[in-house]
N, C-alpha and C. Protein backbone atom coordinates (compact mmCIF):
# COMPACT_ATOMS: atom_id res chain seq x y z
N MET A 1 47.25 16.26 101.97
CA MET A 1 48.06 17.46 101.10
C MET A 1 49.02 18.54 102.46
N VAL A 2 47.78 18.89 103.46
CA VAL A 2 48.38 19.65 104.24
C VAL A 2 49.53 19.24 105.33
N ALA A 3 49.03 18.06 105.38
CA ALA A 3 49.90 17.01 106.61
C ALA A 3 51.53 16.98 106.03
N GLU A 4 51.23 16.67 104.53
CA GLU A 4 52.61 16.49 103.72
C GLU A 4 53.26 17.99 103.66
N ASN A 5 52.69 19.21 103.33
CA ASN A 5 53.36 20.34 103.53
C ASN A 5 53.96 20.43 104.76
N ILE A 6 53.65 20.26 105.74
CA ILE A 6 53.90 20.52 106.96
C ILE A 6 55.03 19.29 107.43
N GLN A 7 54.81 18.22 107.17
CA GLN A 7 56.50 17.57 107.16
C GLN A 7 57.07 17.60 106.60
N ASN A 8 57.26 17.96 105.21
CA ASN A 8 58.50 18.86 104.73
C ASN A 8 59.07 20.13 105.19
N ILE A 9 58.28 20.76 105.81
CA ILE A 9 58.83 22.14 106.21
C ILE A 9 59.53 22.13 107.14
N ARG A 10 59.28 20.91 108.13
CA ARG A 10 59.31 20.35 109.63
C ARG A 10 60.90 20.20 108.90
N GLU A 11 61.40 19.28 107.80
CA GLU A 11 62.93 18.55 107.44
C GLU A 11 63.26 20.00 107.31
N ASN A 12 62.51 20.26 106.07
CA ASN A 12 63.34 22.03 105.95
C ASN A 12 64.38 22.16 106.97
N ILE A 13 63.32 22.89 107.64
CA ILE A 13 64.13 23.53 109.32
C ILE A 13 64.81 22.74 109.87
N ALA A 14 64.87 21.29 110.63
CA ALA A 14 65.96 20.59 110.24
C ALA A 14 66.66 20.49 110.03
N LYS A 15 66.80 20.21 108.38
CA LYS A 15 67.83 20.12 108.02
C LYS A 15 68.96 21.54 107.80
N THR A 16 67.82 22.63 108.20
CA THR A 16 69.20 24.10 108.02
C THR A 16 69.81 24.44 108.99
N CYS A 17 68.55 24.02 110.23
CA CYS A 17 69.23 23.81 111.55
C CYS A 17 70.49 23.14 112.18
N PHE A 18 70.20 22.15 111.57
CA PHE A 18 71.45 21.07 111.99
C PHE A 18 72.86 21.10 111.17
N ARG A 19 72.48 21.94 109.78
CA ARG A 19 73.71 22.54 109.41
C ARG A 19 74.39 24.00 109.99
N LEU A 20 73.73 24.23 110.51
CA LEU A 20 74.29 25.86 111.71
C LEU A 20 74.75 25.28 113.02
N GLY A 21 74.27 24.25 113.23
CA GLY A 21 74.36 23.77 114.66
C GLY A 21 73.16 24.50 115.54
N ARG A 22 71.80 24.32 115.01
CA ARG A 22 71.18 24.49 116.14
C ARG A 22 70.17 23.54 116.12
N ASP A 23 69.06 24.37 117.21
CA ASP A 23 68.42 23.04 118.14
C ASP A 23 67.15 23.36 116.51
N PRO A 24 66.38 22.31 116.26
CA PRO A 24 65.65 22.68 115.33
C PRO A 24 63.92 22.80 116.23
N GLN A 25 64.37 22.93 117.59
CA GLN A 25 62.89 23.19 118.44
C GLN A 25 62.99 25.19 118.31
N SER A 26 63.93 25.47 118.07
CA SER A 26 64.85 27.14 118.48
C SER A 26 63.64 27.35 117.44
N VAL A 27 63.31 27.02 116.41
CA VAL A 27 62.42 27.79 115.18
C VAL A 27 60.94 27.06 115.59
N GLU A 28 59.86 28.26 115.69
CA GLU A 28 58.31 28.06 116.14
C GLU A 28 57.79 28.23 114.45
N LEU A 29 57.29 27.05 113.56
CA LEU A 29 56.48 27.56 113.13
C LEU A 29 54.72 27.72 112.92
N ILE A 30 54.62 29.18 112.40
CA ILE A 30 53.61 29.60 112.34
C ILE A 30 52.61 29.55 111.09
N ALA A 31 51.48 29.03 111.03
CA ALA A 31 50.83 28.12 109.82
C ALA A 31 49.86 29.62 109.90
N VAL A 32 49.95 30.68 108.22
CA VAL A 32 49.45 31.56 108.04
C VAL A 32 47.92 31.22 107.07
N SER A 33 47.22 31.08 108.12
CA SER A 33 45.42 30.73 107.31
C SER A 33 44.90 31.68 106.56
N LYS A 34 45.28 32.50 106.37
CA LYS A 34 44.83 33.95 106.07
C LYS A 34 43.78 33.78 104.55
N THR A 35 42.65 33.44 104.25
CA THR A 35 41.55 33.13 103.18
C THR A 35 41.38 31.54 103.38
N PHE A 36 41.90 30.77 104.23
CA PHE A 36 41.46 29.24 104.01
C PHE A 36 40.27 29.32 105.05
N GLY A 37 40.05 28.43 105.13
CA GLY A 37 38.97 27.78 106.31
C GLY A 37 39.24 27.02 107.21
N SER A 38 38.13 26.93 108.01
CA SER A 38 37.96 25.68 109.00
C SER A 38 38.94 24.10 108.76
N HIS A 39 38.48 23.63 107.92
CA HIS A 39 38.51 22.44 107.37
C HIS A 39 40.31 22.26 106.98
N HIS A 40 40.89 23.18 106.14
CA HIS A 40 42.33 23.74 106.52
C HIS A 40 42.63 23.85 107.80
N ILE A 41 42.54 24.55 108.81
CA ILE A 41 43.40 24.43 109.62
C ILE A 41 43.03 23.26 110.59
N ASN A 42 41.92 22.67 110.21
CA ASN A 42 41.72 21.28 111.51
C ASN A 42 42.68 20.33 110.59
N GLU A 43 43.44 20.42 109.09
CA GLU A 43 44.40 19.64 108.82
C GLU A 43 45.42 19.80 109.40
N ALA A 44 45.81 21.29 109.54
CA ALA A 44 46.96 21.18 110.24
C ALA A 44 46.93 21.44 111.24
N LEU A 45 45.68 21.25 112.37
CA LEU A 45 45.84 21.20 113.68
C LEU A 45 46.17 19.44 113.92
N ALA A 46 45.62 18.90 112.68
CA ALA A 46 46.21 16.99 113.26
C ALA A 46 47.05 17.07 112.97
N SER A 47 48.19 17.76 112.17
CA SER A 47 49.56 17.55 112.11
C SER A 47 50.33 17.87 113.47
N GLY A 48 49.53 18.37 114.34
CA GLY A 48 50.47 19.02 115.12
C GLY A 48 50.85 21.04 115.31
N ILE A 49 50.46 21.16 114.61
CA ILE A 49 50.27 23.06 114.40
C ILE A 49 48.99 23.13 115.44
N HIS A 50 49.47 24.35 116.19
CA HIS A 50 48.77 24.93 116.91
C HIS A 50 48.92 26.60 117.03
N ASP A 51 49.85 26.88 116.12
CA ASP A 51 49.68 28.29 116.14
C ASP A 51 49.72 28.98 114.64
N PHE A 52 48.45 29.46 114.00
CA PHE A 52 48.14 30.39 113.08
C PHE A 52 47.72 31.84 113.06
N GLY A 53 48.30 32.16 112.30
CA GLY A 53 48.56 33.69 111.92
C GLY A 53 47.65 34.39 111.17
N GLU A 54 46.69 35.39 111.17
CA GLU A 54 45.65 35.84 110.07
C GLU A 54 46.21 37.44 110.44
N ASN A 55 45.63 37.74 109.25
CA ASN A 55 45.78 39.23 108.84
C ASN A 55 44.75 40.15 109.29
N TYR A 56 43.49 39.65 109.02
CA TYR A 56 42.56 40.79 109.15
C TYR A 56 41.11 40.63 110.39
N VAL A 57 40.91 41.23 111.14
CA VAL A 57 40.20 41.17 112.32
C VAL A 57 39.09 40.33 112.09
N GLN A 58 38.53 40.67 111.11
CA GLN A 58 37.34 40.19 111.02
C GLN A 58 37.27 38.61 110.68
N GLU A 59 37.72 38.21 109.52
CA GLU A 59 38.27 37.29 109.34
C GLU A 59 38.64 36.42 110.48
N LEU A 60 39.46 36.89 111.36
CA LEU A 60 40.49 36.29 112.49
C LEU A 60 38.59 35.73 113.46
N LEU A 61 38.14 36.82 113.18
CA LEU A 61 37.25 36.85 114.43
C LEU A 61 36.15 35.52 113.95
N GLU A 62 35.81 35.49 112.83
CA GLU A 62 35.14 34.57 112.17
C GLU A 62 35.29 33.29 112.47
N LYS A 63 36.63 32.67 112.44
CA LYS A 63 37.39 31.83 112.40
C LYS A 63 37.40 31.36 113.96
N LYS A 64 37.76 32.14 114.57
CA LYS A 64 37.61 31.76 116.11
C LYS A 64 36.68 31.56 116.39
N ALA A 65 35.11 32.00 116.37
CA ALA A 65 33.96 31.40 116.91
C ALA A 65 33.69 30.12 115.69
N GLY A 66 34.39 29.60 114.96
CA GLY A 66 33.73 28.54 114.30
C GLY A 66 34.97 27.08 114.86
N LEU A 67 35.85 27.59 115.48
CA LEU A 67 37.12 26.71 115.81
C LEU A 67 37.12 26.45 117.46
N GLU A 68 35.91 27.42 118.13
CA GLU A 68 36.17 27.54 119.70
C GLU A 68 35.95 25.91 120.28
N GLY A 69 36.95 26.07 121.57
CA GLY A 69 37.32 24.27 122.10
C GLY A 69 38.69 23.74 121.15
N LYS A 70 39.04 23.87 120.11
CA LYS A 70 40.19 23.75 119.74
C LYS A 70 41.06 24.40 120.26
N ASN A 71 42.58 23.76 120.10
CA ASN A 71 43.97 24.21 120.70
C ASN A 71 44.52 24.83 120.01
N VAL A 72 44.15 26.53 120.05
CA VAL A 72 44.52 27.04 118.62
C VAL A 72 44.88 28.16 119.58
N ARG A 73 46.29 28.57 119.07
CA ARG A 73 47.16 29.96 119.71
C ARG A 73 46.68 30.76 117.84
N TRP A 74 46.08 31.72 118.24
CA TRP A 74 46.23 32.84 117.43
C TRP A 74 46.82 34.41 117.48
N HIS A 75 47.73 34.31 116.36
CA HIS A 75 49.25 35.38 115.81
C HIS A 75 48.15 36.17 115.07
N PHE A 76 47.97 37.82 115.19
CA PHE A 76 48.15 38.67 114.58
C PHE A 76 48.73 39.42 113.58
N ILE A 77 49.01 38.84 112.52
CA ILE A 77 49.87 39.63 111.81
C ILE A 77 49.88 40.44 110.68
N GLY A 78 48.50 41.15 110.43
CA GLY A 78 48.44 42.08 109.50
C GLY A 78 48.18 43.82 110.39
N HIS A 79 48.25 44.55 109.51
CA HIS A 79 48.37 45.69 109.67
C HIS A 79 47.20 45.95 111.08
N LEU A 80 47.47 46.35 111.87
CA LEU A 80 46.32 46.96 112.86
C LEU A 80 46.32 48.45 113.65
N GLN A 81 45.13 48.17 112.81
CA GLN A 81 44.14 49.51 113.08
C GLN A 81 43.89 50.01 114.75
N SER A 82 44.36 51.02 115.17
CA SER A 82 44.24 51.09 116.97
C SER A 82 42.34 50.78 117.27
N ASN A 83 41.31 51.01 116.30
CA ASN A 83 40.11 50.78 116.38
C ASN A 83 40.12 48.94 116.50
N LYS A 84 40.39 48.55 116.18
CA LYS A 84 40.17 47.00 116.28
C LYS A 84 40.94 46.36 117.37
N ILE A 85 41.26 47.29 118.38
CA ILE A 85 42.29 46.34 119.37
C ILE A 85 41.15 45.78 120.29
N LYS A 86 40.52 46.54 120.58
CA LYS A 86 39.36 46.15 121.61
C LYS A 86 38.97 44.64 120.91
N TYR A 87 38.96 44.07 119.95
CA TYR A 87 38.06 42.93 119.53
C TYR A 87 39.15 41.74 119.93
N LEU A 88 40.09 42.32 119.96
CA LEU A 88 41.15 41.06 120.15
C LEU A 88 41.95 40.92 121.81
N ILE A 89 41.93 41.80 122.12
CA ILE A 89 43.07 42.47 123.68
C ILE A 89 42.43 41.27 124.31
N ASP A 90 41.41 40.36 124.80
CA ASP A 90 40.63 39.68 125.94
C ASP A 90 41.45 38.07 125.70
N TRP A 91 41.58 38.06 124.11
CA TRP A 91 42.04 36.14 123.82
C TRP A 91 43.35 36.56 123.04
N ILE A 92 43.52 37.12 122.11
CA ILE A 92 45.12 36.73 121.14
C ILE A 92 45.91 36.20 122.12
N TYR A 93 46.80 35.71 121.22
CA TYR A 93 47.89 34.89 121.72
C TYR A 93 49.27 35.90 121.62
N LEU A 94 49.24 36.52 120.40
CA LEU A 94 50.40 37.45 120.29
C LEU A 94 50.00 38.73 119.29
N ILE A 95 50.18 39.94 119.14
CA ILE A 95 50.50 40.81 117.90
C ILE A 95 51.91 41.08 117.60
N GLN A 96 51.91 40.71 116.24
CA GLN A 96 53.15 40.54 115.96
C GLN A 96 53.18 41.83 115.00
N SER A 97 52.33 43.30 114.88
CA SER A 97 52.66 44.23 113.86
C SER A 97 52.77 45.16 114.30
N VAL A 98 53.20 45.63 115.74
CA VAL A 98 52.74 47.08 116.20
C VAL A 98 53.59 47.51 115.32
N ASP A 99 53.34 49.03 115.13
CA ASP A 99 54.62 49.68 114.15
C ASP A 99 54.39 51.04 114.82
N SER A 100 53.50 51.20 115.75
CA SER A 100 53.62 52.74 116.00
C SER A 100 53.03 52.99 117.37
N GLU A 101 53.53 53.95 118.15
CA GLU A 101 53.26 54.55 119.39
C GLU A 101 52.04 54.63 119.67
N SER A 102 50.73 54.83 118.88
CA SER A 102 49.34 55.20 119.08
C SER A 102 48.97 53.70 118.88
N VAL A 103 49.24 52.77 118.44
CA VAL A 103 48.70 51.37 118.32
C VAL A 103 49.08 50.74 119.87
N ALA A 104 50.40 51.22 120.36
CA ALA A 104 51.19 50.83 121.31
C ALA A 104 49.66 51.11 122.19
N ALA A 105 49.93 53.03 122.45
CA ALA A 105 49.06 53.12 123.56
C ALA A 105 47.48 52.73 123.85
N GLU A 106 47.25 52.06 122.43
CA GLU A 106 45.44 51.67 122.43
C GLU A 106 45.45 50.74 123.02
N ILE A 107 47.01 49.66 122.78
CA ILE A 107 47.03 48.17 123.14
C ILE A 107 47.33 48.21 124.55
N GLN A 108 48.03 49.17 125.41
CA GLN A 108 48.15 49.65 126.74
C GLN A 108 47.04 49.88 127.67
N LYS A 109 46.15 50.43 127.08
CA LYS A 109 45.06 50.93 127.41
C LYS A 109 43.74 49.83 127.63
N ARG A 110 43.53 49.31 126.32
CA ARG A 110 43.07 47.81 126.65
C ARG A 110 43.76 46.68 127.30
N ALA A 111 44.58 46.63 127.63
CA ALA A 111 44.88 45.52 128.55
C ALA A 111 45.34 45.75 129.70
N GLN A 112 45.33 47.36 130.38
CA GLN A 112 45.08 47.83 131.57
C GLN A 112 43.63 47.61 131.86
N SER A 113 42.87 47.82 131.28
CA SER A 113 41.10 47.78 131.36
C SER A 113 40.82 46.21 131.97
N ALA A 114 41.55 45.59 130.51
CA ALA A 114 41.18 43.93 131.19
C ALA A 114 42.14 43.11 132.38
N ASP A 115 43.00 43.86 132.87
CA ASP A 115 43.97 43.51 133.83
C ASP A 115 44.70 42.22 133.46
N LYS A 116 45.67 42.33 132.70
CA LYS A 116 46.28 41.72 131.51
C LYS A 116 47.32 42.08 130.60
N THR A 117 48.41 41.32 130.64
CA THR A 117 49.68 41.94 129.64
C THR A 117 49.80 41.27 128.29
N MET A 118 49.92 41.87 127.69
CA MET A 118 49.55 41.67 126.08
C MET A 118 50.52 41.24 125.66
N ASN A 119 51.06 40.56 124.59
CA ASN A 119 52.32 39.75 124.58
C ASN A 119 52.30 40.76 122.80
N VAL A 120 53.67 41.15 122.61
CA VAL A 120 53.49 42.04 121.09
C VAL A 120 54.69 42.01 120.69
N LEU A 121 55.13 41.89 119.15
CA LEU A 121 56.43 42.39 118.95
C LEU A 121 56.30 43.58 117.96
N VAL A 122 57.35 44.11 117.61
CA VAL A 122 57.13 45.41 117.01
C VAL A 122 57.55 44.75 115.46
N GLU A 123 56.82 45.61 114.47
CA GLU A 123 57.24 45.17 113.15
C GLU A 123 58.11 46.42 112.77
N VAL A 124 59.15 45.88 111.88
CA VAL A 124 60.12 46.71 111.33
C VAL A 124 60.52 47.05 109.83
N ASN A 125 60.10 47.87 108.94
CA ASN A 125 60.05 47.54 107.33
C ASN A 125 61.50 47.71 106.94
N THR A 126 61.87 46.81 107.39
CA THR A 126 63.66 46.44 106.79
C THR A 126 64.01 46.40 105.19
N SER A 127 62.89 45.98 104.25
CA SER A 127 63.12 46.62 103.17
C SER A 127 62.85 48.16 102.79
N GLU A 128 62.06 48.70 103.63
CA GLU A 128 61.78 50.25 103.40
C GLU A 128 61.06 50.39 102.19
N GLU A 129 59.94 49.48 101.69
CA GLU A 129 59.36 49.36 101.02
C GLU A 129 58.34 50.48 101.01
N ALA A 130 57.62 51.04 99.96
CA ALA A 130 56.17 52.08 100.67
C ALA A 130 54.93 51.54 100.18
N THR A 131 55.03 50.20 100.28
CA THR A 131 54.18 49.27 100.21
C THR A 131 53.89 48.43 101.36
N LYS A 132 54.84 48.40 102.06
CA LYS A 132 54.90 47.84 103.13
C LYS A 132 54.81 48.51 104.70
N PHE A 133 53.73 47.80 105.63
CA PHE A 133 53.47 48.49 106.65
C PHE A 133 54.52 48.37 108.05
N GLY A 134 55.15 49.11 108.80
CA GLY A 134 56.27 48.62 109.82
C GLY A 134 56.66 49.58 109.98
N VAL A 135 57.78 49.97 111.26
CA VAL A 135 58.58 51.32 111.66
C VAL A 135 59.90 51.27 111.17
N LYS A 136 60.38 52.63 110.68
CA LYS A 136 61.28 52.60 109.78
C LYS A 136 62.67 51.76 110.52
N PRO A 137 63.73 51.08 109.72
CA PRO A 137 64.72 50.99 110.88
C PRO A 137 65.45 52.02 111.64
N ASN A 138 65.21 53.02 111.18
CA ASN A 138 66.08 54.17 112.23
C ASN A 138 65.44 54.75 113.23
N ALA A 139 64.12 54.73 113.31
CA ALA A 139 63.04 54.81 114.41
C ALA A 139 62.75 53.74 115.01
N ALA A 140 63.22 52.49 114.87
CA ALA A 140 62.51 51.32 115.78
C ALA A 140 63.28 51.33 116.99
N LEU A 141 64.38 51.85 117.23
CA LEU A 141 64.90 51.64 118.76
C LEU A 141 63.55 52.49 119.48
N GLY A 142 63.66 53.68 118.91
CA GLY A 142 63.22 54.87 119.71
C GLY A 142 61.58 54.12 120.29
N LEU A 143 60.85 53.43 118.82
CA LEU A 143 59.81 53.12 119.58
C LEU A 143 59.76 51.90 120.34
N ILE A 144 60.80 51.40 120.34
CA ILE A 144 60.78 49.92 121.25
C ILE A 144 61.16 50.66 122.54
N LYS A 145 62.22 51.47 123.04
CA LYS A 145 62.35 51.95 124.23
C LYS A 145 60.54 53.29 124.85
N LYS A 146 60.18 53.21 123.77
CA LYS A 146 58.71 53.63 124.40
C LYS A 146 58.21 52.69 124.83
N ILE A 147 57.88 51.72 123.80
CA ILE A 147 56.73 50.72 124.40
C ILE A 147 57.47 49.68 125.37
N ALA A 148 58.76 49.72 125.80
CA ALA A 148 59.09 48.92 126.84
C ALA A 148 58.66 50.10 128.63
N LEU A 149 58.01 51.11 128.38
CA LEU A 149 57.74 51.85 129.55
C LEU A 149 56.22 51.43 129.94
N TYR A 150 55.75 50.98 128.80
CA TYR A 150 54.24 50.29 129.32
C TYR A 150 54.27 49.47 130.14
N PRO A 151 53.49 49.32 131.29
CA PRO A 151 53.30 47.86 132.05
C PRO A 151 52.14 46.87 131.64
N ASN A 152 51.48 47.08 130.58
CA ASN A 152 51.01 46.13 130.51
C ASN A 152 51.01 45.25 129.22
N ILE A 153 52.35 45.73 129.08
CA ILE A 153 52.75 45.36 127.42
C ILE A 153 53.84 44.35 127.36
N ASN A 154 53.94 43.56 127.07
CA ASN A 154 55.56 42.24 127.15
C ASN A 154 56.01 42.11 125.55
N LEU A 155 56.83 43.24 125.59
CA LEU A 155 57.44 42.90 124.21
C LEU A 155 58.62 41.98 123.81
N LYS A 156 57.91 41.21 123.47
CA LYS A 156 58.74 39.62 123.25
C LYS A 156 59.92 39.49 122.00
N GLY A 157 59.53 40.82 121.04
CA GLY A 157 60.76 40.68 120.10
C GLY A 157 59.92 41.62 118.86
N LEU A 158 60.64 41.38 117.82
CA LEU A 158 60.27 41.53 116.58
C LEU A 158 59.73 41.27 115.11
N MET A 159 59.57 41.82 114.43
CA MET A 159 58.93 41.05 113.03
C MET A 159 59.87 41.68 111.96
N THR A 160 59.74 40.99 110.88
CA THR A 160 59.71 41.97 109.55
C THR A 160 59.14 41.12 108.33
N ILE A 161 58.89 41.69 107.79
CA ILE A 161 58.30 41.11 106.11
C ILE A 161 59.22 40.94 105.24
N GLY A 162 60.46 39.94 105.06
CA GLY A 162 61.26 40.27 103.68
C GLY A 162 60.56 40.42 102.10
N PRO A 163 61.61 41.29 101.44
CA PRO A 163 61.19 41.68 100.08
C PRO A 163 61.13 40.35 99.34
N PHE A 164 59.98 41.06 98.69
CA PHE A 164 59.73 39.46 97.31
C PHE A 164 60.32 39.57 96.36
N THR A 165 61.67 39.23 96.50
CA THR A 165 62.53 38.74 95.40
C THR A 165 63.12 37.43 94.99
N ASP A 166 63.63 37.58 93.69
CA ASP A 166 64.28 36.09 93.75
C ASP A 166 65.95 36.53 94.05
N THR A 167 66.36 37.80 94.33
CA THR A 167 67.91 38.15 94.89
C THR A 167 67.92 37.65 96.45
N LYS A 168 68.42 36.40 96.65
CA LYS A 168 68.71 35.85 98.21
C LYS A 168 69.79 37.04 98.95
N ASP A 169 70.66 37.93 98.64
CA ASP A 169 71.08 38.58 98.98
C ASP A 169 70.28 40.15 99.99
N GLU A 170 69.49 40.18 98.95
CA GLU A 170 67.83 41.18 99.03
C GLU A 170 67.59 40.32 100.50
N SER A 171 66.97 39.53 100.64
CA SER A 171 66.08 38.79 102.05
C SER A 171 67.34 38.80 102.85
N ARG A 172 68.44 38.69 102.86
CA ARG A 172 69.53 38.13 103.69
C ARG A 172 69.28 39.60 104.21
N ASP A 173 69.55 40.65 103.33
CA ASP A 173 70.55 41.45 104.30
C ASP A 173 69.15 42.47 105.29
N ALA A 174 67.84 41.87 104.64
CA ALA A 174 66.81 42.91 105.60
C ALA A 174 66.66 41.57 106.96
N PHE A 175 67.21 40.39 106.86
CA PHE A 175 66.97 39.61 107.81
C PHE A 175 68.10 39.93 109.15
N LYS A 176 69.23 40.64 107.96
CA LYS A 176 70.29 40.78 109.15
C LYS A 176 70.60 42.25 109.96
N LEU A 177 69.29 43.11 108.79
CA LEU A 177 69.10 44.21 109.43
C LEU A 177 68.27 43.91 111.06
N LEU A 178 67.10 43.60 110.95
CA LEU A 178 66.24 42.68 111.66
C LEU A 178 67.05 42.41 113.26
N ARG A 179 68.01 41.66 112.55
CA ARG A 179 68.96 40.73 113.72
C ARG A 179 69.14 41.95 114.58
N THR A 180 70.00 42.88 113.93
CA THR A 180 71.17 44.14 114.38
C THR A 180 70.28 44.82 115.27
N ILE A 181 68.71 45.52 114.41
CA ILE A 181 67.93 45.91 115.66
C ILE A 181 67.81 45.24 116.70
N PHE A 182 67.85 44.07 116.73
CA PHE A 182 67.11 43.34 117.69
C PHE A 182 68.03 43.06 118.96
N GLU A 183 69.71 42.83 118.33
CA GLU A 183 70.78 42.54 119.24
C GLU A 183 70.71 44.09 120.05
N GLU A 184 71.12 45.12 119.41
CA GLU A 184 71.35 46.79 120.05
C GLU A 184 70.05 46.95 121.09
N ALA A 185 68.45 46.40 120.83
CA ALA A 185 67.93 46.81 122.11
C ALA A 185 68.17 46.15 123.27
N ASN A 186 68.43 44.58 122.81
CA ASN A 186 68.85 43.86 123.98
C ASN A 186 70.04 43.75 124.70
N ARG A 187 70.85 44.76 123.74
CA ARG A 187 72.18 45.12 124.88
C ARG A 187 71.39 46.69 125.66
N SER A 188 70.55 47.10 125.36
CA SER A 188 70.30 48.91 125.40
C SER A 188 69.91 49.09 127.09
N GLY A 189 68.92 47.76 127.34
CA GLY A 189 69.60 48.32 129.10
C GLY A 189 67.67 48.81 129.27
N PHE A 190 67.11 49.59 128.52
CA PHE A 190 65.82 49.74 128.50
C PHE A 190 64.32 48.80 128.80
N LEU A 191 65.20 47.61 128.24
CA LEU A 191 63.65 46.17 128.33
C LEU A 191 63.79 45.94 129.69
N LYS A 192 62.46 45.68 129.53
CA LYS A 192 61.80 44.95 131.02
C LYS A 192 62.54 43.90 131.34
N GLY A 193 62.95 43.20 130.09
CA GLY A 193 63.45 41.54 130.00
C GLY A 193 63.87 41.40 128.69
N PRO A 194 65.08 40.73 128.20
CA PRO A 194 65.42 40.43 127.20
C PRO A 194 64.13 39.77 125.95
N MET A 195 64.41 40.08 124.94
CA MET A 195 63.43 39.98 123.55
C MET A 195 63.96 38.45 123.08
N THR A 196 63.10 37.45 122.57
CA THR A 196 63.53 36.30 122.64
C THR A 196 62.91 35.61 120.97
N ILE A 197 61.88 36.99 120.05
CA ILE A 197 61.28 36.24 119.01
C ILE A 197 61.84 37.04 118.37
N LEU A 198 62.08 36.63 116.92
CA LEU A 198 62.64 37.39 115.99
C LEU A 198 61.76 36.44 114.33
N SER A 199 60.80 37.33 114.41
CA SER A 199 59.71 36.47 113.54
C SER A 199 59.99 37.38 111.82
N MET A 200 60.57 36.43 111.44
CA MET A 200 61.18 36.37 110.00
C MET A 200 61.14 35.35 109.13
N GLY A 201 60.80 35.06 107.76
CA GLY A 201 60.90 34.37 107.41
C GLY A 201 59.28 33.68 106.81
N MET A 202 59.22 33.77 105.43
CA MET A 202 57.85 32.75 104.45
C MET A 202 58.08 31.99 104.13
N THR A 203 57.24 31.36 102.97
CA THR A 203 57.79 30.59 102.27
C THR A 203 58.94 30.70 101.08
N HIS A 204 58.82 31.98 100.72
CA HIS A 204 59.84 31.64 99.55
C HIS A 204 61.19 32.34 100.22
N ASP A 205 61.38 32.90 101.41
CA ASP A 205 62.43 32.68 102.21
C ASP A 205 63.03 32.68 103.69
N TYR A 206 62.25 31.09 104.25
CA TYR A 206 62.11 31.14 105.51
C TYR A 206 63.58 30.30 105.66
N GLU A 207 64.12 29.85 104.79
CA GLU A 207 65.74 28.86 105.06
C GLU A 207 66.74 30.12 105.34
N ILE A 208 66.60 31.06 104.34
CA ILE A 208 67.48 32.27 104.60
C ILE A 208 67.25 32.91 106.19
N ALA A 209 65.95 33.27 106.45
CA ALA A 209 65.67 33.74 107.63
C ALA A 209 66.20 32.92 108.53
N ILE A 210 66.13 31.65 108.44
CA ILE A 210 66.74 30.74 109.83
C ILE A 210 68.50 30.79 109.72
N GLU A 211 68.93 31.06 108.77
CA GLU A 211 70.25 31.65 108.20
C GLU A 211 70.82 32.64 109.40
N GLU A 212 69.73 33.03 109.37
CA GLU A 212 70.11 34.79 110.02
C GLU A 212 69.86 34.78 111.24
N GLY A 213 68.79 34.12 111.92
CA GLY A 213 68.96 33.94 113.08
C GLY A 213 67.22 33.47 113.43
N SER A 214 66.47 33.65 112.48
CA SER A 214 64.81 33.68 113.21
C SER A 214 64.71 32.60 113.84
N THR A 215 63.45 32.96 114.79
CA THR A 215 63.31 32.34 115.54
C THR A 215 61.51 31.88 115.54
N MET A 216 61.11 32.34 114.33
CA MET A 216 59.80 32.06 114.13
C MET A 216 59.50 32.64 112.85
N ILE A 217 59.05 31.21 112.24
CA ILE A 217 58.94 31.80 110.20
C ILE A 217 57.36 31.32 110.37
N ARG A 218 56.61 32.71 110.02
CA ARG A 218 55.31 32.44 109.24
C ARG A 218 54.68 31.93 107.67
N ILE A 219 54.29 31.25 107.22
CA ILE A 219 54.61 30.06 106.28
C ILE A 219 52.86 29.69 106.15
N GLY A 220 52.30 30.24 104.69
CA GLY A 220 50.94 29.89 104.39
C GLY A 220 50.69 29.35 103.05
N THR A 221 51.69 29.97 101.80
CA THR A 221 51.25 28.89 100.73
C THR A 221 51.75 27.76 100.64
N ALA A 222 52.98 27.44 101.20
CA ALA A 222 53.60 26.15 101.40
C ALA A 222 53.05 25.06 102.03
N ILE A 223 52.16 25.78 103.29
CA ILE A 223 51.48 24.55 103.65
C ILE A 223 50.15 24.65 102.92
N PHE A 224 49.55 25.59 102.81
CA PHE A 224 47.84 25.82 102.20
C PHE A 224 47.65 25.81 100.72
N GLY A 225 49.02 25.78 100.25
CA GLY A 225 48.77 26.62 98.83
C GLY A 225 48.26 27.50 97.91
N SER A 226 48.79 27.82 96.76
CA SER A 226 48.34 29.32 96.87
C SER A 226 46.55 29.45 96.72
N ARG A 227 46.75 31.12 97.09
CA ARG A 227 45.61 31.57 97.71
C ARG A 227 44.53 32.22 96.36
N THR A 228 43.41 32.25 96.08
CA THR A 228 42.64 32.32 95.02
C THR A 228 42.25 33.95 95.33
N GLN A 229 42.41 34.40 97.11
CA GLN A 229 42.08 35.37 97.33
C GLN A 229 43.14 36.13 98.31
N GLN A 230 43.08 37.56 98.06
CA GLN A 230 44.08 38.66 99.15
C GLN A 230 43.17 38.78 100.23
């Protein structure tokens, strides 16, 4: 089932991209494996998926230990507390959820101590929902500018979680807003290099996200099925 689901998603990505005149390879597929075990991850690996997103540090550490030696690139996509960064800094591929200067400062501190550069995305709360994390849109450029000054942080792009709604226009507006901030930051001149990643789009809205310029989609339910826990 996982293999079939992945194939269907890839076909949908290709159809959407061809309609837009985009290369399907320009959209990276991240499998969100939160609450699913190693068996499901191994099925996805067998289908050519190597990038997996997790929301909770403890769960991620347990899965990493059980999948040592596998060709997995881990993405942290949940709300990140400063005191948890020390557990990730040596091996995580991409932290997608930096939403404050304090978190960025701790990443810089830990990355400097480890003599490495950490890849991150800034999470923006484009729908400004109180239940969601992420920097507010009107504060995003200020945070981006501060993070750009850290020598051990490589700011690769931006991430958002679209609104959970059946109204496509609301999802589209959120993604357009993220792209606008992304483009403005890239024109600003204060980045070390251009940002290249727009991480937006999940099971319910990834086609709209691709239409609005997403380069990375995070898919859980459409790959692994409905979750029995959160």
